[in-house]
Amino acid sequence: MEDVPQPASDPYQPGDNVQVYVSETDPDSEHHGKEGTITDVLQDNLGDETGRELDSYSYCIETSGEGIDVWFRHRALVPVSQ
């Protein structure tokens, strides 16, 4: 059985190192496996609607000095230890 990486149990903060972990059917699958650093955090009310607090967080990341023009939900990122 494959060991699937899991998102952090707390919201990410700017400066945290993460890896994009999305399925091949996700519209942003071209970014799967990319590692980067959280540069910005947005919080909305999606968590109120789903009952899962971490659904409220979206993140912008920077990889190798370049930003990715996509905001990723918490569940699409996994922590990377540096």
N, C-alpha and C. Protein backbone atom coordinates (compact mmCIF):
# COMPACT_ATOMS: atom_id res chain seq x y z
N MET A 1 0.85 -1.18 0.00
CA MET A 1 0.00 0.00 0.00
C MET A 1 0.89 1.24 0.00
N GLU A 2 0.55 2.20 -0.83
CA GLU A 2 1.33 3.43 -0.97
C GLU A 2 1.09 4.36 0.21
N ASP A 3 2.17 4.97 0.69
CA ASP A 3 2.08 5.95 1.78
C ASP A 3 1.80 7.32 1.16
N VAL A 4 0.57 7.81 1.30
CA VAL A 4 0.15 9.07 0.69
C VAL A 4 0.42 10.22 1.64
N PRO A 5 1.18 11.24 1.20
CA PRO A 5 1.44 12.40 2.06
C PRO A 5 0.13 13.09 2.46
N GLN A 6 0.11 13.63 3.65
CA GLN A 6 -1.09 14.30 4.17
C GLN A 6 -0.80 15.78 4.41
N PRO A 7 -1.81 16.64 4.23
CA PRO A 7 -1.64 18.06 4.55
C PRO A 7 -1.35 18.23 6.04
N ALA A 8 -0.79 19.37 6.39
CA ALA A 8 -0.53 19.70 7.79
C ALA A 8 -1.85 19.80 8.54
N SER A 9 -1.80 19.56 9.83
CA SER A 9 -3.02 19.62 10.65
C SER A 9 -3.35 21.05 11.10
N ASP A 10 -2.46 21.99 10.83
CA ASP A 10 -2.67 23.41 11.12
C ASP A 10 -2.47 24.21 9.84
N PRO A 11 -3.02 25.43 9.77
CA PRO A 11 -2.81 26.26 8.59
C PRO A 11 -1.31 26.52 8.36
N TYR A 12 -0.94 26.60 7.09
CA TYR A 12 0.45 26.96 6.75
C TYR A 12 0.63 28.46 6.96
N GLN A 13 1.88 28.85 7.13
CA GLN A 13 2.25 30.25 7.33
C GLN A 13 3.24 30.66 6.24
N PRO A 14 3.32 31.96 5.91
CA PRO A 14 4.35 32.39 4.97
C PRO A 14 5.72 31.90 5.43
N GLY A 15 6.48 31.38 4.49
CA GLY A 15 7.80 30.84 4.79
C GLY A 15 7.81 29.33 4.94
N ASP A 16 6.64 28.70 5.13
CA ASP A 16 6.58 27.24 5.22
C ASP A 16 6.91 26.62 3.87
N ASN A 17 7.62 25.51 3.89
CA ASN A 17 7.97 24.78 2.67
C ASN A 17 6.95 23.68 2.44
N VAL A 18 6.41 23.65 1.21
CA VAL A 18 5.35 22.71 0.86
C VAL A 18 5.59 22.10 -0.51
N GLN A 19 4.85 21.02 -0.77
CA GLN A 19 4.84 20.38 -2.08
C GLN A 19 3.39 20.30 -2.55
N VAL A 20 3.18 20.58 -3.83
CA VAL A 20 1.84 20.47 -4.41
C VAL A 20 1.54 18.98 -4.59
N TYR A 21 0.40 18.54 -4.08
CA TYR A 21 0.02 17.15 -4.17
C TYR A 21 -1.44 17.07 -4.62
N VAL A 22 -1.63 17.01 -5.94
CA VAL A 22 -2.98 16.95 -6.51
C VAL A 22 -3.07 15.76 -7.46
N SER A 23 -4.28 15.32 -7.75
CA SER A 23 -4.47 14.17 -8.64
C SER A 23 -4.23 14.58 -10.09
N GLU A 24 -4.03 13.57 -10.92
CA GLU A 24 -3.78 13.84 -12.33
C GLU A 24 -5.01 14.39 -13.04
N THR A 25 -6.18 14.27 -12.43
CA THR A 25 -7.40 14.83 -13.02
C THR A 25 -7.69 16.25 -12.54
N ASP A 26 -6.90 16.76 -11.61
CA ASP A 26 -7.07 18.12 -11.11
C ASP A 26 -6.70 19.11 -12.21
N PRO A 27 -7.45 20.20 -12.36
CA PRO A 27 -7.12 21.19 -13.39
C PRO A 27 -5.70 21.77 -13.26
N ASP A 28 -5.14 21.72 -12.06
CA ASP A 28 -3.79 22.25 -11.84
C ASP A 28 -2.75 21.14 -11.70
N SER A 29 -3.03 19.98 -12.30
CA SER A 29 -2.14 18.82 -12.16
C SER A 29 -0.74 19.06 -12.73
N GLU A 30 -0.59 20.04 -13.60
CA GLU A 30 0.74 20.35 -14.14
C GLU A 30 1.71 20.78 -13.03
N HIS A 31 1.16 21.19 -11.89
CA HIS A 31 1.99 21.63 -10.77
C HIS A 31 2.27 20.53 -9.74
N HIS A 32 1.67 19.35 -9.94
CA HIS A 32 1.86 18.25 -9.00
C HIS A 32 3.36 17.96 -8.82
N GLY A 33 3.77 17.84 -7.58
CA GLY A 33 5.16 17.52 -7.27
C GLY A 33 6.07 18.72 -7.10
N LYS A 34 5.62 19.90 -7.51
CA LYS A 34 6.45 21.09 -7.35
C LYS A 34 6.58 21.45 -5.88
N GLU A 35 7.78 21.84 -5.49
CA GLU A 35 8.03 22.27 -4.12
C GLU A 35 8.24 23.77 -4.10
N GLY A 36 7.79 24.40 -3.03
CA GLY A 36 7.96 25.84 -2.93
C GLY A 36 7.72 26.32 -1.52
N THR A 37 7.68 27.63 -1.41
CA THR A 37 7.52 28.30 -0.12
C THR A 37 6.24 29.12 -0.16
N ILE A 38 5.46 29.02 0.93
CA ILE A 38 4.24 29.82 1.04
C ILE A 38 4.63 31.30 1.06
N THR A 39 4.00 32.10 0.17
CA THR A 39 4.26 33.53 0.13
C THR A 39 3.07 34.36 0.59
N ASP A 40 1.86 33.79 0.49
CA ASP A 40 0.67 34.55 0.86
C ASP A 40 -0.42 33.58 1.28
N VAL A 41 -1.27 34.02 2.21
CA VAL A 41 -2.35 33.19 2.74
C VAL A 41 -3.65 33.98 2.67
N LEU A 42 -4.71 33.35 2.16
CA LEU A 42 -6.04 33.95 2.16
C LEU A 42 -6.97 33.06 2.97
N GLN A 43 -7.92 33.67 3.64
CA GLN A 43 -8.89 32.90 4.40
C GLN A 43 -10.29 33.36 3.99
N ASP A 44 -11.17 32.39 3.69
CA ASP A 44 -12.54 32.71 3.32
C ASP A 44 -13.49 31.91 4.20
N ASN A 45 -14.74 31.77 3.80
CA ASN A 45 -15.72 31.08 4.65
C ASN A 45 -16.06 29.67 4.18
N LEU A 46 -15.28 29.09 3.29
CA LEU A 46 -15.58 27.74 2.80
C LEU A 46 -15.63 26.73 3.95
N GLY A 47 -14.77 26.90 4.94
CA GLY A 47 -14.77 26.00 6.09
C GLY A 47 -16.10 26.01 6.84
N ASP A 48 -16.77 27.16 6.88
CA ASP A 48 -18.09 27.24 7.51
C ASP A 48 -19.10 26.38 6.74
N GLU A 49 -18.96 26.38 5.41
CA GLU A 49 -19.89 25.63 4.58
C GLU A 49 -19.62 24.13 4.62
N THR A 50 -18.35 23.73 4.70
CA THR A 50 -18.01 22.30 4.66
C THR A 50 -17.90 21.67 6.05
N GLY A 51 -17.74 22.51 7.07
CA GLY A 51 -17.55 21.99 8.41
C GLY A 51 -16.11 21.59 8.69
N ARG A 52 -15.20 21.88 7.75
CA ARG A 52 -13.78 21.57 7.92
C ARG A 52 -13.01 22.89 7.91
N GLU A 53 -12.54 23.32 9.07
CA GLU A 53 -11.90 24.63 9.24
C GLU A 53 -10.80 24.89 8.21
N LEU A 54 -9.97 23.89 7.92
CA LEU A 54 -8.82 24.11 7.02
C LEU A 54 -9.23 24.35 5.57
N ASP A 55 -10.49 24.04 5.21
CA ASP A 55 -10.98 24.34 3.86
C ASP A 55 -11.02 25.84 3.60
N SER A 56 -10.96 26.65 4.64
CA SER A 56 -11.02 28.11 4.50
C SER A 56 -9.72 28.73 4.01
N TYR A 57 -8.65 27.96 3.96
CA TYR A 57 -7.33 28.52 3.65
C TYR A 57 -6.90 28.21 2.22
N SER A 58 -6.40 29.25 1.56
CA SER A 58 -5.79 29.14 0.24
C SER A 58 -4.41 29.78 0.31
N TYR A 59 -3.50 29.25 -0.51
CA TYR A 59 -2.10 29.69 -0.43
C TYR A 59 -1.51 29.95 -1.80
N CYS A 60 -0.65 30.93 -1.84
CA CYS A 60 0.16 31.22 -3.02
C CYS A 60 1.57 30.74 -2.67
N ILE A 61 2.22 30.04 -3.61
CA ILE A 61 3.57 29.58 -3.35
C ILE A 61 4.53 30.08 -4.41
N GLU A 62 5.80 30.12 -4.04
CA GLU A 62 6.88 30.50 -4.94
C GLU A 62 7.82 29.32 -5.06
N THR A 63 8.17 28.97 -6.30
CA THR A 63 9.10 27.87 -6.53
C THR A 63 10.33 28.37 -7.25
N SER A 64 11.48 28.04 -6.76
CA SER A 64 12.75 28.43 -7.39
C SER A 64 12.75 29.87 -7.86
N GLY A 65 12.26 30.77 -7.00
CA GLY A 65 12.29 32.19 -7.33
C GLY A 65 11.16 32.66 -8.22
N GLU A 66 10.25 31.74 -8.64
CA GLU A 66 9.14 32.13 -9.50
C GLU A 66 7.83 31.77 -8.83
N GLY A 67 6.89 32.71 -8.86
CA GLY A 67 5.56 32.42 -8.32
C GLY A 67 4.76 31.55 -9.26
N ILE A 68 3.81 30.82 -8.73
CA ILE A 68 2.87 30.05 -9.53
C ILE A 68 1.57 30.83 -9.49
N ASP A 69 0.99 31.09 -10.64
CA ASP A 69 -0.22 31.91 -10.72
C ASP A 69 -1.47 31.08 -10.41
N VAL A 70 -1.42 30.35 -9.30
CA VAL A 70 -2.53 29.51 -8.85
C VAL A 70 -2.59 29.61 -7.33
N TRP A 71 -3.77 29.71 -6.79
CA TRP A 71 -3.96 29.63 -5.34
C TRP A 71 -4.38 28.21 -5.04
N PHE A 72 -3.67 27.57 -4.11
CA PHE A 72 -3.94 26.19 -3.75
C PHE A 72 -4.68 26.12 -2.42
N ARG A 73 -5.70 25.29 -2.34
CA ARG A 73 -6.39 25.04 -1.08
C ARG A 73 -5.48 24.21 -0.18
N HIS A 74 -5.75 24.24 1.11
CA HIS A 74 -4.93 23.56 2.10
C HIS A 74 -4.73 22.08 1.75
N ARG A 75 -5.77 21.42 1.31
CA ARG A 75 -5.70 19.98 1.04
C ARG A 75 -4.79 19.63 -0.14
N ALA A 76 -4.41 20.62 -0.95
CA ALA A 76 -3.58 20.37 -2.14
C ALA A 76 -2.09 20.51 -1.85
N LEU A 77 -1.73 20.84 -0.61
CA LEU A 77 -0.33 21.04 -0.24
C LEU A 77 0.05 20.13 0.92
N VAL A 78 1.27 19.61 0.86
CA VAL A 78 1.79 18.79 1.95
C VAL A 78 3.11 19.40 2.41
N PRO A 79 3.43 19.28 3.71
CA PRO A 79 4.66 19.86 4.23
C PRO A 79 5.90 19.17 3.65
N VAL A 80 6.95 19.96 3.49
CA VAL A 80 8.25 19.44 3.07
C VAL A 80 9.25 19.84 4.14
N SER A 81 10.01 18.89 4.62
CA SER A 81 11.05 19.22 5.61
C SER A 81 12.32 19.58 4.86
N GLN A 82 12.93 20.67 5.27
CA GLN A 82 14.15 21.15 4.58
C GLN A 82 15.36 20.94 5.46
